[in-house]
Structures are given as structure tokens and as C-alpha cells.
Amino acid sequence: MKLGELTERLFIEGVLRPYLGKSPPLSRLGFPDDAVDFLPLAPRIVASVDAASIKGVKLPWRSLEDAAWAIATGAVSDHVAKGSRPAYALVSLGLSPDLDLSDAEAIVRGLSEAFKYYGVSWVGGDTNSSGAPWVSVTMIGFTTAKRPPPRSGARPGDAVVVTGRYGAMGYVALRGVEEASRTAWVVEKTRRPLVDVRVGTVIALNYKSVHASMDVSDGLGFTMMEIARLSGVGLRVERPPPVFKEVYELCEGRLECLYELSLNGGEEYGVVMTVSKEGLGEVVEDLESYGVEYEVIGEVVEGSGLKLEGVDRVAIYGWDQFGGYVKSA
């Protein structure tokens, strides 16, 4: 059955409704209202919008459920980097009337699975007719941080801390989709990207010490260059970030190779933080107590751009929604 054979109302009530979460506590509004109300769960409310076409994130080895999962994960990641705990999602769907109902259900199912994994309640949204499927996620979260860290707050002397593990999407970006699709470990690591929401808790606890932070959605190298550019500083990288063991084996210890694969890519959804020297000990202690993968990879310095110690030059590409992988440096 095609979506065009249903009405929007039947799709919403028959397909979407079972995937929506319960209304927030003490809410007076809910399905099928056009809005939702909720009480704040912390003093500061954080809101974001993240949208993507299904085609734009659907690697050959990703199902429609996987692609939808990736979009939901990107929305969660934006909050984690700001010390926010994402709580409620409002989703707009663009779907073609010619789309099979089973494919529409797969997209909805992938979103629902991701939200449940991250503890986010899907409380509403909107449906639209579109030539190609797309998803837009408005995420509402809460933080106890009085000053959530911006991208632009890095200061000379700060330590550069990176969470997450890298190299798989760098392999896709540099070796190409066709070769990556034949590489089992790359397929496994990139099918459904994950965010460690505990990083947001660490940032909220240490907001006075975390001067800048940004999630890694468009490539680690690009992320660090953005922090440097917006902060008017340079970032000196003294060692590679954590990478998958297969990357170590592939590179055979060659530093240039490790940097190429770890700095390029995207959708790793770790976080880059610059942390004051005085607060670094507590940040590290909290990361370790939560079991978060991290590495202190360098320092913020006077100047501009990214400075990689031990290598002459590494080409860095970042993901651009209009241009694809675009060379940044």
C-alpha cells in the first residue's frame, strides 16, 4: 500500500500514534493537539532543530530504520555537547504519497528505537508531503549548567579533550563507499552511530571549567577548526584521538595515517571540549567515573588553525550539506 492510498489522519492515528511516548507529567496537551506543554526538568531549557534527508544519511549498508536512527542520534548529540539532557522530541516528516507504507513505518520505527535508547519521549510533530523523504527533529532538553559552553569560548592554555572513538567514517570518506561496504568492521561501526549521553552530565557538572564544546557531526578535524576559528585561537594537537583497534592495525603506527582517518569523517558524535587547566583534573575524573572513552589530545594556543605535531600536513575534509565532503585545510 502507498501512503497516497491513506489519508494523513489515518497515517497519523494508525501508524504514528503507537510510536509516540506518553505526555509529559502534568501536561494538559497531547495527541492529537498541535502542541505539547511540559514543566521544566532543570533551570535552563535547551532547544535545537536538526533535519536531514533520508537519502543524505542512507549509506548502502544502512536500512531505512538505520538512516532514521542516525538522524535522531544527531539531534541528541547537539544537546550532549551543551551539557543538556534531551527529554522531548517533536518530529516533522516529509513523505511522498508514492512511498510504500512499509517504508514509512520503517522510518518511524527507526526514530522510535533511537528515542527509546536515549530516553527521549517522542511527544508530537507534523507530517508533510514531499518528493523525497526527510526528517526534522526539534529536541527539547534541560541542563543544570548556568552557562552552557559555546563553540567560541576556547582560551589559550585550555586542554583539548576529545570523547568518542574515531576512524570508521574516516575510512568511508577517504576510501570511498564501495570499498567501505566490503569492510566488515567499518560497516559494523557506522551502521547505527551512538552518542554517549553521560558526556552531557560531565559537561553540566563542570560548566565553569569547560570553556568551549562542540559535537563531532561533520568530522573531528572540521570540528576542532571551527572551535579555533570562532574562538580566535589555535589548537595544537599532540597525539591522535582514540581510534578503533582496526585503525591502529591498518595504519601500522604511522602517525599521518592515524590523523587522516581520525580527523576526517563525520557522524562519530563524540565531543570536543576545551577545559581550563585548573578544572581538567575534575573533568577527567568524572569522565573516568562514568566510563566515557576520552583522550586529552592537545592544548589551545595563541594563533589560528590546527597544528598537528609530528606530521608535515594532513588534508582535512568536513561534511557540507550542499557540497558533500569539502576540504577545510
C-alpha atoms as a PDB file:
ATOM      1  CA  MET A   1       0.000   0.000   0.000  1.00  0.00           C
ATOM      2  CA  LYS A   2       1.173   3.528  -0.842  1.00  0.00           C
ATOM      3  CA  LEU A   3       0.813   6.471   1.516  1.00  0.00           C
ATOM      4  CA  GLY A   4      -1.310   8.173  -1.124  1.00  0.00           C
ATOM      5  CA  GLU A   5      -3.928   5.485  -0.593  1.00  0.00           C
ATOM      6  CA  LEU A   6      -4.297   6.597   3.041  1.00  0.00           C
ATOM      7  CA  THR A   7      -5.344   9.930   4.441  1.00  0.00           C
ATOM      8  CA  GLU A   8      -2.917  11.901   6.596  1.00  0.00           C
ATOM      9  CA  ARG A   9      -5.233  11.367   9.552  1.00  0.00           C
ATOM     10  CA  LEU A  10      -5.203   7.588   9.141  1.00  0.00           C
ATOM     11  CA  PHE A  11      -1.411   7.581   8.841  1.00  0.00           C
ATOM     12  CA  ILE A  12      -1.031   9.667  11.997  1.00  0.00           C
ATOM     13  CA  GLU A  13      -3.566   7.746  14.056  1.00  0.00           C
ATOM     14  CA  GLY A  14      -2.862   4.283  12.691  1.00  0.00           C
ATOM     15  CA  VAL A  15       0.907   4.335  12.104  1.00  0.00           C
ATOM     16  CA  LEU A  16       2.497   7.194  14.029  1.00  0.00           C
ATOM     17  CA  ARG A  17       0.393   7.161  17.201  1.00  0.00           C
ATOM     18  CA  PRO A  18       1.686   3.834  18.615  1.00  0.00           C
ATOM     19  CA  TYR A  19       5.272   5.157  18.473  1.00  0.00           C
ATOM     20  CA  LEU A  20       4.623   8.367  20.389  1.00  0.00           C
ATOM     21  CA  GLY A  21       5.587   8.466  24.038  1.00  0.00           C
ATOM     22  CA  LYS A  22       3.384   9.391  26.942  1.00  0.00           C
ATOM     23  CA  SER A  23       2.571  13.034  27.515  1.00  0.00           C
ATOM     24  CA  PRO A  24       4.977  14.776  29.912  1.00  0.00           C
ATOM     25  CA  PRO A  25       3.982  14.694  33.604  1.00  0.00           C
ATOM     26  CA  LEU A  26       1.147  17.120  34.434  1.00  0.00           C
ATOM     27  CA  SER A  27       0.767  18.022  30.751  1.00  0.00           C
ATOM     28  CA  ARG A  28      -2.613  19.420  29.709  1.00  0.00           C
ATOM     29  CA  LEU A  29      -1.949  18.982  25.983  1.00  0.00           C
ATOM     30  CA  GLY A  30      -1.066  15.942  23.948  1.00  0.00           C
ATOM     31  CA  PHE A  31      -2.039  13.863  20.932  1.00  0.00           C
ATOM     32  CA  PRO A  32      -3.889  14.891  18.787  1.00  0.00           C
ATOM     33  CA  ASP A  33      -3.271  18.537  19.788  1.00  0.00           C
ATOM     34  CA  ASP A  34      -0.936  20.641  17.652  1.00  0.00           C
ATOM     35  CA  ALA A  35       1.250  21.469  20.651  1.00  0.00           C
ATOM     36  CA  VAL A  36       2.533  19.952  23.870  1.00  0.00           C
ATOM     37  CA  ASP A  37       3.156  21.577  27.251  1.00  0.00           C
ATOM     38  CA  PHE A  38       5.590  20.433  29.928  1.00  0.00           C
ATOM     39  CA  LEU A  39       7.186  21.512  33.171  1.00  0.00           C
ATOM     40  CA  PRO A  40      10.941  22.183  33.039  1.00  0.00           C
ATOM     41  CA  LEU A  41      13.101  19.397  34.466  1.00  0.00           C
ATOM     42  CA  ALA A  42      16.021  21.744  35.226  1.00  0.00           C
ATOM     43  CA  PRO A  43      16.507  25.515  35.474  1.00  0.00           C
ATOM     44  CA  ARG A  44      17.700  26.030  31.885  1.00  0.00           C
ATOM     45  CA  ILE A  45      15.854  24.790  28.784  1.00  0.00           C
ATOM     46  CA  VAL A  46      17.841  23.884  25.663  1.00  0.00           C
ATOM     47  CA  ALA A  47      16.168  23.610  22.240  1.00  0.00           C
ATOM     48  CA  SER A  48      17.537  22.552  18.863  1.00  0.00           C
ATOM     49  CA  VAL A  49      16.399  21.604  15.364  1.00  0.00           C
ATOM     50  CA  ASP A  50      18.202  19.003  13.291  1.00  0.00           C
ATOM     51  CA  ALA A  51      16.998  17.898   9.854  1.00  0.00           C
ATOM     52  CA  ALA A  52      18.234  15.638   7.072  1.00  0.00           C
ATOM     53  CA  SER A  53      17.000  13.808   4.021  1.00  0.00           C
ATOM     54  CA  ILE A  54      16.887  10.040   4.269  1.00  0.00           C
ATOM     55  CA  LYS A  55      18.980   9.845   1.094  1.00  0.00           C
ATOM     56  CA  GLY A  56      21.649  12.048   2.644  1.00  0.00           C
ATOM     57  CA  VAL A  57      22.343   9.637   5.520  1.00  0.00           C
ATOM     58  CA  LYS A  58      21.453   6.294   3.949  1.00  0.00           C
ATOM     59  CA  LEU A  59      24.756   4.546   3.384  1.00  0.00           C
ATOM     60  CA  PRO A  60      24.365   1.401   1.233  1.00  0.00           C
ATOM     61  CA  TRP A  61      24.532  -0.837   4.312  1.00  0.00           C
ATOM     62  CA  ARG A  62      22.001   1.189   6.289  1.00  0.00           C
ATOM     63  CA  SER A  63      18.350   0.207   6.264  1.00  0.00           C
ATOM     64  CA  LEU A  64      15.648   2.870   6.428  1.00  0.00           C
ATOM     65  CA  GLU A  65      15.475   2.180  10.179  1.00  0.00           C
ATOM     66  CA  ASP A  66      19.235   2.757  10.458  1.00  0.00           C
ATOM     67  CA  ALA A  67      19.037   6.023   8.499  1.00  0.00           C
ATOM     68  CA  ALA A  68      16.251   7.319  10.747  1.00  0.00           C
ATOM     69  CA  TRP A  69      18.255   6.239  13.812  1.00  0.00           C
ATOM     70  CA  ALA A  70      21.216   8.278  12.547  1.00  0.00           C
ATOM     71  CA  ILE A  71      19.081  11.410  12.183  1.00  0.00           C
ATOM     72  CA  ALA A  72      17.653  11.034  15.693  1.00  0.00           C
ATOM     73  CA  THR A  73      21.153  10.469  17.074  1.00  0.00           C
ATOM     74  CA  GLY A  74      22.376  13.699  15.504  1.00  0.00           C
ATOM     75  CA  ALA A  75      19.633  15.614  17.302  1.00  0.00           C
ATOM     76  CA  VAL A  76      20.579  14.047  20.638  1.00  0.00           C
ATOM     77  CA  SER A  77      24.255  14.806  20.063  1.00  0.00           C
ATOM     78  CA  ASP A  78      23.692  18.552  19.775  1.00  0.00           C
ATOM     79  CA  HIS A  79      22.328  18.551  23.329  1.00  0.00           C
ATOM     80  CA  VAL A  80      25.025  16.377  24.846  1.00  0.00           C
ATOM     81  CA  ALA A  81      27.733  18.804  23.705  1.00  0.00           C
ATOM     82  CA  LYS A  82      25.989  21.608  25.594  1.00  0.00           C
ATOM     83  CA  GLY A  83      25.583  19.736  28.847  1.00  0.00           C
ATOM     84  CA  SER A  84      21.886  19.177  28.184  1.00  0.00           C
ATOM     85  CA  ARG A  85      19.860  16.054  28.851  1.00  0.00           C
ATOM     86  CA  PRO A  86      17.497  15.650  25.865  1.00  0.00           C
ATOM     87  CA  ALA A  87      13.983  14.841  27.041  1.00  0.00           C
ATOM     88  CA  TYR A  88      11.275  15.550  24.448  1.00  0.00           C
ATOM     89  CA  ALA A  89      11.257  15.281  20.647  1.00  0.00           C
ATOM     90  CA  LEU A  90       8.900  16.843  18.104  1.00  0.00           C
ATOM     91  CA  VAL A  91       9.329  15.307  14.655  1.00  0.00           C
ATOM     92  CA  SER A  92       8.305  16.632  11.257  1.00  0.00           C
ATOM     93  CA  LEU A  93       8.209  14.032   8.482  1.00  0.00           C
ATOM     94  CA  GLY A  94       8.322  14.731   4.761  1.00  0.00           C
ATOM     95  CA  LEU A  95       6.964  11.669   2.937  1.00  0.00           C
ATOM     96  CA  SER A  96       5.940  11.054  -0.654  1.00  0.00           C
ATOM     97  CA  PRO A  97       2.412   9.813  -1.385  1.00  0.00           C
ATOM     98  CA  ASP A  98       4.104   7.184  -3.582  1.00  0.00           C
ATOM     99  CA  LEU A  99       6.169   5.839  -0.656  1.00  0.00           C
ATOM    100  CA  ASP A 100       5.254   2.314   0.415  1.00  0.00           C
ATOM    101  CA  LEU A 101       3.527   2.220   3.773  1.00  0.00           C
ATOM    102  CA  SER A 102       6.070  -0.365   4.947  1.00  0.00           C
ATOM    103  CA  ASP A 103       8.924   2.059   4.168  1.00  0.00           C
ATOM    104  CA  ALA A 104       7.180   4.872   6.033  1.00  0.00           C
ATOM    105  CA  GLU A 105       6.730   2.559   9.019  1.00  0.00           C
ATOM    106  CA  ALA A 106      10.432   1.642   8.857  1.00  0.00           C
ATOM    107  CA  ILE A 107      11.424   5.313   9.136  1.00  0.00           C
ATOM    108  CA  VAL A 108       9.053   5.836  12.051  1.00  0.00           C
ATOM    109  CA  ARG A 109      10.287   2.657  13.728  1.00  0.00           C
ATOM    110  CA  GLY A 110      13.949   3.704  13.444  1.00  0.00           C
ATOM    111  CA  LEU A 111      13.206   7.072  15.034  1.00  0.00           C
ATOM    112  CA  SER A 112      11.253   5.427  17.840  1.00  0.00           C
ATOM    113  CA  GLU A 113      14.014   2.910  18.562  1.00  0.00           C
ATOM    114  CA  ALA A 114      16.609   5.688  18.811  1.00  0.00           C
ATOM    115  CA  PHE A 115      14.484   7.860  21.077  1.00  0.00           C
ATOM    116  CA  LYS A 116      13.818   4.938  23.402  1.00  0.00           C
ATOM    117  CA  TYR A 117      17.533   4.107  23.502  1.00  0.00           C
ATOM    118  CA  TYR A 118      18.388   7.675  24.570  1.00  0.00           C
ATOM    119  CA  GLY A 119      15.469   8.033  26.980  1.00  0.00           C
ATOM    120  CA  VAL A 120      13.752  10.688  24.868  1.00  0.00           C
ATOM    121  CA  SER A 121       9.956  10.885  24.717  1.00  0.00           C
ATOM    122  CA  TRP A 122       8.525  11.483  21.232  1.00  0.00           C
ATOM    123  CA  VAL A 123       5.604  13.772  22.033  1.00  0.00           C
ATOM    124  CA  GLY A 124       4.388  15.097  18.674  1.00  0.00           C
ATOM    125  CA  GLY A 125       5.234  16.752  15.394  1.00  0.00           C
ATOM    126  CA  ASP A 126       3.901  17.206  11.889  1.00  0.00           C
ATOM    127  CA  THR A 127       3.527  15.314   8.603  1.00  0.00           C
ATOM    128  CA  ASN A 128       4.163  16.756   5.151  1.00  0.00           C
ATOM    129  CA  SER A 129       4.045  15.658   1.531  1.00  0.00           C
ATOM    130  CA  SER A 130       7.475  15.651  -0.117  1.00  0.00           C
ATOM    131  CA  GLY A 131       9.080  14.301  -3.254  1.00  0.00           C
ATOM    132  CA  ALA A 132      11.879  12.679  -1.241  1.00  0.00           C
ATOM    133  CA  PRO A 133      11.685  11.535   2.422  1.00  0.00           C
ATOM    134  CA  TRP A 134      13.150  13.832   5.063  1.00  0.00           C
ATOM    135  CA  VAL A 135      13.063  14.095   8.840  1.00  0.00           C
ATOM    136  CA  SER A 136      13.301  17.158  11.075  1.00  0.00           C
ATOM    137  CA  VAL A 137      13.735  16.706  14.825  1.00  0.00           C
ATOM    138  CA  THR A 138      13.066  19.509  17.285  1.00  0.00           C
ATOM    139  CA  MET A 139      14.652  18.439  20.553  1.00  0.00           C
ATOM    140  CA  ILE A 140      13.881  19.914  23.968  1.00  0.00           C
ATOM    141  CA  GLY A 141      16.363  19.271  26.765  1.00  0.00           C
ATOM    142  CA  PHE A 142      17.332  20.597  30.167  1.00  0.00           C
ATOM    143  CA  THR A 143      20.584  21.445  31.873  1.00  0.00           C
ATOM    144  CA  THR A 144      21.713  22.451  35.325  1.00  0.00           C
ATOM    145  CA  ALA A 145      24.632  24.374  33.795  1.00  0.00           C
ATOM    146  CA  LYS A 146      24.218  28.108  34.381  1.00  0.00           C
ATOM    147  CA  ARG A 147      26.440  28.761  31.346  1.00  0.00           C
ATOM    148  CA  PRO A 148      26.276  26.013  28.698  1.00  0.00           C
ATOM    149  CA  PRO A 149      29.607  26.087  26.816  1.00  0.00           C
ATOM    150  CA  PRO A 150      29.533  27.697  23.343  1.00  0.00           C
ATOM    151  CA  ARG A 151      31.721  26.783  20.394  1.00  0.00           C
ATOM    152  CA  SER A 152      33.549  30.074  20.674  1.00  0.00           C
ATOM    153  CA  GLY A 153      34.891  30.031  24.233  1.00  0.00           C
ATOM    154  CA  ALA A 154      38.293  28.341  23.872  1.00  0.00           C
ATOM    155  CA  ARG A 155      41.143  30.144  25.667  1.00  0.00           C
ATOM    156  CA  PRO A 156      44.905  29.795  25.316  1.00  0.00           C
ATOM    157  CA  GLY A 157      46.139  27.334  27.921  1.00  0.00           C
ATOM    158  CA  ASP A 158      42.986  25.184  27.826  1.00  0.00           C
ATOM    159  CA  ALA A 159      43.415  21.446  27.371  1.00  0.00           C
ATOM    160  CA  VAL A 160      41.727  19.900  24.324  1.00  0.00           C
ATOM    161  CA  VAL A 161      39.672  16.856  25.356  1.00  0.00           C
ATOM    162  CA  VAL A 162      38.031  14.553  22.824  1.00  0.00           C
ATOM    163  CA  THR A 163      35.439  11.892  23.664  1.00  0.00           C
ATOM    164  CA  GLY A 164      34.379   9.003  21.456  1.00  0.00           C
ATOM    165  CA  ARG A 165      36.259   6.743  19.068  1.00  0.00           C
ATOM    166  CA  TYR A 166      37.246   7.552  15.505  1.00  0.00           C
ATOM    167  CA  GLY A 167      38.408   6.198  12.169  1.00  0.00           C
ATOM    168  CA  ALA A 168      35.486   4.246  10.711  1.00  0.00           C
ATOM    169  CA  MET A 169      33.750   7.164   8.995  1.00  0.00           C
ATOM    170  CA  GLY A 170      37.154   8.498   8.029  1.00  0.00           C
ATOM    171  CA  TYR A 171      37.643   5.217   6.171  1.00  0.00           C
ATOM    172  CA  VAL A 172      34.351   5.789   4.347  1.00  0.00           C
ATOM    173  CA  ALA A 173      35.286   9.376   3.461  1.00  0.00           C
ATOM    174  CA  LEU A 174      38.814   8.607   2.246  1.00  0.00           C
ATOM    175  CA  ARG A 175      38.483   5.100   0.784  1.00  0.00           C
ATOM    176  CA  GLY A 176      35.012   5.527  -0.672  1.00  0.00           C
ATOM    177  CA  VAL A 177      31.634   3.937  -0.058  1.00  0.00           C
ATOM    178  CA  GLU A 178      32.240   0.979  -2.359  1.00  0.00           C
ATOM    179  CA  GLU A 179      35.398  -0.180  -0.579  1.00  0.00           C
ATOM    180  CA  ALA A 180      33.904   0.607   2.838  1.00  0.00           C
ATOM    181  CA  SER A 181      30.866  -1.575   2.073  1.00  0.00           C
ATOM    182  CA  ARG A 182      33.237  -4.556   1.712  1.00  0.00           C
ATOM    183  CA  THR A 183      34.968  -3.839   5.035  1.00  0.00           C
ATOM    184  CA  ALA A 184      33.087  -5.581   7.841  1.00  0.00           C
ATOM    185  CA  TRP A 185      34.359  -3.541  10.776  1.00  0.00           C
ATOM    186  CA  VAL A 186      33.554  -0.250   9.032  1.00  0.00           C
ATOM    187  CA  VAL A 187      30.009  -1.391   8.257  1.00  0.00           C
ATOM    188  CA  GLU A 188      29.558  -2.541  11.851  1.00  0.00           C
ATOM    189  CA  LYS A 189      30.829   0.699  13.416  1.00  0.00           C
ATOM    190  CA  THR A 190      28.872   3.047  11.137  1.00  0.00           C
ATOM    191  CA  ARG A 191      25.504   1.320  10.743  1.00  0.00           C
ATOM    192  CA  ARG A 192      23.945   2.982  13.792  1.00  0.00           C
ATOM    193  CA  PRO A 193      26.059   5.804  15.270  1.00  0.00           C
ATOM    194  CA  LEU A 194      25.824   6.277  19.031  1.00  0.00           C
ATOM    195  CA  VAL A 195      26.018   9.205  21.434  1.00  0.00           C
ATOM    196  CA  ASP A 196      27.270   8.781  24.984  1.00  0.00           C
ATOM    197  CA  VAL A 197      24.767  10.959  26.866  1.00  0.00           C
ATOM    198  CA  ARG A 198      26.898  10.716  30.010  1.00  0.00           C
ATOM    199  CA  VAL A 199      29.246  13.261  28.441  1.00  0.00           C
ATOM    200  CA  GLY A 200      26.477  15.838  28.790  1.00  0.00           C
ATOM    201  CA  THR A 201      26.296  15.139  32.508  1.00  0.00           C
ATOM    202  CA  VAL A 202      30.057  15.674  32.848  1.00  0.00           C
ATOM    203  CA  ILE A 203      29.835  18.984  30.988  1.00  0.00           C
ATOM    204  CA  ALA A 204      26.925  20.173  33.143  1.00  0.00           C
ATOM    205  CA  LEU A 205      28.816  19.271  36.322  1.00  0.00           C
ATOM    206  CA  ASN A 206      31.927  21.133  35.141  1.00  0.00           C
ATOM    207  CA  TYR A 207      30.444  24.017  33.155  1.00  0.00           C
ATOM    208  CA  LYS A 208      32.743  26.547  34.833  1.00  0.00           C
ATOM    209  CA  SER A 209      35.795  24.675  33.531  1.00  0.00           C
ATOM    210  CA  VAL A 210      34.537  23.674  30.067  1.00  0.00           C
ATOM    211  CA  HIS A 211      35.075  26.855  28.086  1.00  0.00           C
ATOM    212  CA  ALA A 212      34.045  25.538  24.662  1.00  0.00           C
ATOM    213  CA  SER A 213      32.437  22.392  23.307  1.00  0.00           C
ATOM    214  CA  MET A 214      31.066  21.066  20.020  1.00  0.00           C
ATOM    215  CA  ASP A 215      29.817  17.679  18.908  1.00  0.00           C
ATOM    216  CA  VAL A 216      31.548  15.801  16.105  1.00  0.00           C
ATOM    217  CA  SER A 217      28.913  15.513  13.416  1.00  0.00           C
ATOM    218  CA  ASP A 218      30.844  16.768  10.377  1.00  0.00           C
ATOM    219  CA  GLY A 219      34.335  15.428  11.056  1.00  0.00           C
ATOM    220  CA  LEU A 220      36.720  15.747  14.007  1.00  0.00           C
ATOM    221  CA  GLY A 221      39.225  17.926  12.170  1.00  0.00           C
ATOM    222  CA  PHE A 222      36.484  20.251  10.969  1.00  0.00           C
ATOM    223  CA  THR A 223      35.040  20.461  14.492  1.00  0.00           C
ATOM    224  CA  MET A 224      38.362  21.479  16.023  1.00  0.00           C
ATOM    225  CA  MET A 225      38.989  24.013  13.263  1.00  0.00           C
ATOM    226  CA  GLU A 226      35.551  25.537  13.884  1.00  0.00           C
ATOM    227  CA  ILE A 227      36.258  25.925  17.593  1.00  0.00           C
ATOM    228  CA  ALA A 228      39.609  27.510  16.778  1.00  0.00           C
ATOM    229  CA  ARG A 229      38.140  29.848  14.157  1.00  0.00           C
ATOM    230  CA  LEU A 230      35.215  31.025  16.257  1.00  0.00           C
ATOM    231  CA  SER A 231      37.386  31.446  19.362  1.00  0.00           C
ATOM    232  CA  GLY A 232      40.196  33.279  17.579  1.00  0.00           C
ATOM    233  CA  VAL A 233      42.830  30.801  18.761  1.00  0.00           C
ATOM    234  CA  GLY A 234      44.885  27.875  17.534  1.00  0.00           C
ATOM    235  CA  LEU A 235      44.660  24.228  18.607  1.00  0.00           C
ATOM    236  CA  ARG A 236      47.896  22.287  18.977  1.00  0.00           C
ATOM    237  CA  VAL A 237      47.260  18.552  18.672  1.00  0.00           C
ATOM    238  CA  GLU A 238      49.983  16.494  20.340  1.00  0.00           C
ATOM    239  CA  ARG A 239      48.523  12.982  19.925  1.00  0.00           C
ATOM    240  CA  PRO A 240      45.753  11.300  17.939  1.00  0.00           C
ATOM    241  CA  PRO A 241      42.301  10.819  19.476  1.00  0.00           C
ATOM    242  CA  PRO A 242      41.019   7.352  20.442  1.00  0.00           C
ATOM    243  CA  VAL A 243      40.569   5.214  17.316  1.00  0.00           C
ATOM    244  CA  PHE A 244      39.189   1.753  16.679  1.00  0.00           C
ATOM    245  CA  LYS A 245      41.738  -1.065  17.027  1.00  0.00           C
ATOM    246  CA  GLU A 246      41.305  -1.852  13.328  1.00  0.00           C
ATOM    247  CA  VAL A 247      42.589   1.642  12.548  1.00  0.00           C
ATOM    248  CA  TYR A 248      45.763   1.012  14.574  1.00  0.00           C
ATOM    249  CA  GLU A 249      46.287  -2.236  12.694  1.00  0.00           C
ATOM    250  CA  LEU A 250      45.611  -0.614   9.325  1.00  0.00           C
ATOM    251  CA  CYS A 251      47.953   2.313   9.947  1.00  0.00           C
ATOM    252  CA  GLU A 252      50.738   0.170  11.472  1.00  0.00           C
ATOM    253  CA  GLY A 253      51.680   3.015  13.784  1.00  0.00           C
ATOM    254  CA  ARG A 254      52.057   5.638  11.045  1.00  0.00           C
ATOM    255  CA  LEU A 255      51.048   8.933  12.607  1.00  0.00           C
ATOM    256  CA  GLU A 256      49.955  10.559   9.355  1.00  0.00           C
ATOM    257  CA  CYS A 257      47.601   7.660   8.643  1.00  0.00           C
ATOM    258  CA  LEU A 258      46.102   7.819  12.148  1.00  0.00           C
ATOM    259  CA  TYR A 259      45.427  11.527  11.769  1.00  0.00           C
ATOM    260  CA  GLU A 260      43.943  11.150   8.278  1.00  0.00           C
ATOM    261  CA  LEU A 261      41.440   8.517   9.343  1.00  0.00           C
ATOM    262  CA  SER A 262      40.532  10.052  12.700  1.00  0.00           C
ATOM    263  CA  LEU A 263      40.225  13.705  11.686  1.00  0.00           C
ATOM    264  CA  ASN A 264      38.092  13.068   8.611  1.00  0.00           C
ATOM    265  CA  GLY A 265      34.666  11.504   8.514  1.00  0.00           C
ATOM    266  CA  GLY A 266      31.636  12.652  10.469  1.00  0.00           C
ATOM    267  CA  GLU A 267      28.719  11.200  12.414  1.00  0.00           C
ATOM    268  CA  GLU A 268      31.010   9.966  15.196  1.00  0.00           C
ATOM    269  CA  TYR A 269      29.115  12.150  17.680  1.00  0.00           C
ATOM    270  CA  GLY A 270      31.866  12.430  20.216  1.00  0.00           C
ATOM    271  CA  VAL A 271      32.512  15.843  21.785  1.00  0.00           C
ATOM    272  CA  VAL A 272      35.480  18.207  21.583  1.00  0.00           C
ATOM    273  CA  MET A 273      35.914  20.240  24.772  1.00  0.00           C
ATOM    274  CA  THR A 274      38.448  22.854  25.758  1.00  0.00           C
ATOM    275  CA  VAL A 275      38.952  22.724  29.509  1.00  0.00           C
ATOM    276  CA  SER A 276      40.806  25.023  31.870  1.00  0.00           C
ATOM    277  CA  LYS A 277      43.992  23.625  33.390  1.00  0.00           C
ATOM    278  CA  GLU A 278      42.559  24.136  36.855  1.00  0.00           C
ATOM    279  CA  GLY A 279      39.434  22.131  36.091  1.00  0.00           C
ATOM    280  CA  LEU A 280      40.965  19.403  33.922  1.00  0.00           C
ATOM    281  CA  GLY A 281      41.531  17.008  36.819  1.00  0.00           C
ATOM    282  CA  GLU A 282      37.866  17.001  37.820  1.00  0.00           C
ATOM    283  CA  VAL A 283      36.667  16.653  34.226  1.00  0.00           C
ATOM    284  CA  VAL A 284      38.953  13.667  33.682  1.00  0.00           C
ATOM    285  CA  GLU A 285      37.897  12.133  36.987  1.00  0.00           C
ATOM    286  CA  ASP A 286      34.216  12.456  36.052  1.00  0.00           C
ATOM    287  CA  LEU A 287      34.752  11.045  32.551  1.00  0.00           C
ATOM    288  CA  GLU A 288      36.547   8.053  34.024  1.00  0.00           C
ATOM    289  CA  SER A 289      33.953   7.512  36.744  1.00  0.00           C
ATOM    290  CA  TYR A 290      31.251   7.292  34.055  1.00  0.00           C
ATOM    291  CA  GLY A 291      33.379   5.055  31.852  1.00  0.00           C
ATOM    292  CA  VAL A 292      33.482   7.536  28.960  1.00  0.00           C
ATOM    293  CA  GLU A 293      36.117   6.998  26.272  1.00  0.00           C
ATOM    294  CA  TYR A 294      38.278  10.114  26.012  1.00  0.00           C
ATOM    295  CA  GLU A 295      41.751  11.459  25.351  1.00  0.00           C
ATOM    296  CA  VAL A 296      43.475  14.740  26.202  1.00  0.00           C
ATOM    297  CA  ILE A 297      44.992  15.350  22.771  1.00  0.00           C
ATOM    298  CA  GLY A 298      46.479  18.814  22.991  1.00  0.00           C
ATOM    299  CA  GLU A 299      46.266  22.430  24.046  1.00  0.00           C
ATOM    300  CA  VAL A 300      44.725  25.715  22.964  1.00  0.00           C
ATOM    301  CA  VAL A 301      47.424  28.169  21.881  1.00  0.00           C
ATOM    302  CA  GLU A 302      47.733  31.693  20.554  1.00  0.00           C
ATOM    303  CA  GLY A 303      47.339  31.951  16.791  1.00  0.00           C
ATOM    304  CA  SER A 304      44.906  30.242  14.487  1.00  0.00           C
ATOM    305  CA  GLY A 305      44.038  26.935  12.874  1.00  0.00           C
ATOM    306  CA  LEU A 306      45.028  23.385  13.678  1.00  0.00           C
ATOM    307  CA  LYS A 307      48.623  22.420  14.368  1.00  0.00           C
ATOM    308  CA  LEU A 308      49.411  18.686  14.260  1.00  0.00           C
ATOM    309  CA  GLU A 309      52.671  17.700  15.929  1.00  0.00           C
ATOM    310  CA  GLY A 310      54.760  15.008  14.286  1.00  0.00           C
ATOM    311  CA  VAL A 311      53.381  15.351  10.750  1.00  0.00           C
ATOM    312  CA  ASP A 312      54.012  17.883   7.998  1.00  0.00           C
ATOM    313  CA  ARG A 313      50.453  18.213   6.739  1.00  0.00           C
ATOM    314  CA  VAL A 314      47.213  16.266   6.688  1.00  0.00           C
ATOM    315  CA  ALA A 315      44.316  17.154   4.397  1.00  0.00           C
ATOM    316  CA  ILE A 316      41.136  17.727   6.412  1.00  0.00           C
ATOM    317  CA  TYR A 317      37.655  17.492   4.957  1.00  0.00           C
ATOM    318  CA  GLY A 318      34.367  18.409   6.583  1.00  0.00           C
ATOM    319  CA  TRP A 319      30.837  17.420   5.620  1.00  0.00           C
ATOM    320  CA  ASP A 320      28.778  20.160   3.994  1.00  0.00           C
ATOM    321  CA  GLN A 321      25.040  19.653   3.415  1.00  0.00           C
ATOM    322  CA  PHE A 322      25.266  21.236  -0.029  1.00  0.00           C
ATOM    323  CA  GLY A 323      28.780  20.365  -1.157  1.00  0.00           C
ATOM    324  CA  GLY A 324      29.430  16.951   0.399  1.00  0.00           C
ATOM    325  CA  TYR A 325      32.965  16.432   1.732  1.00  0.00           C
ATOM    326  CA  VAL A 326      34.690  19.781   1.327  1.00  0.00           C
ATOM    327  CA  LYS A 327      38.375  20.367   2.005  1.00  0.00           C
ATOM    328  CA  SER A 328      38.854  22.508   5.093  1.00  0.00           C
ATOM    329  CA  ALA A 329      42.643  22.521   5.309  1.00  0.00           C
END
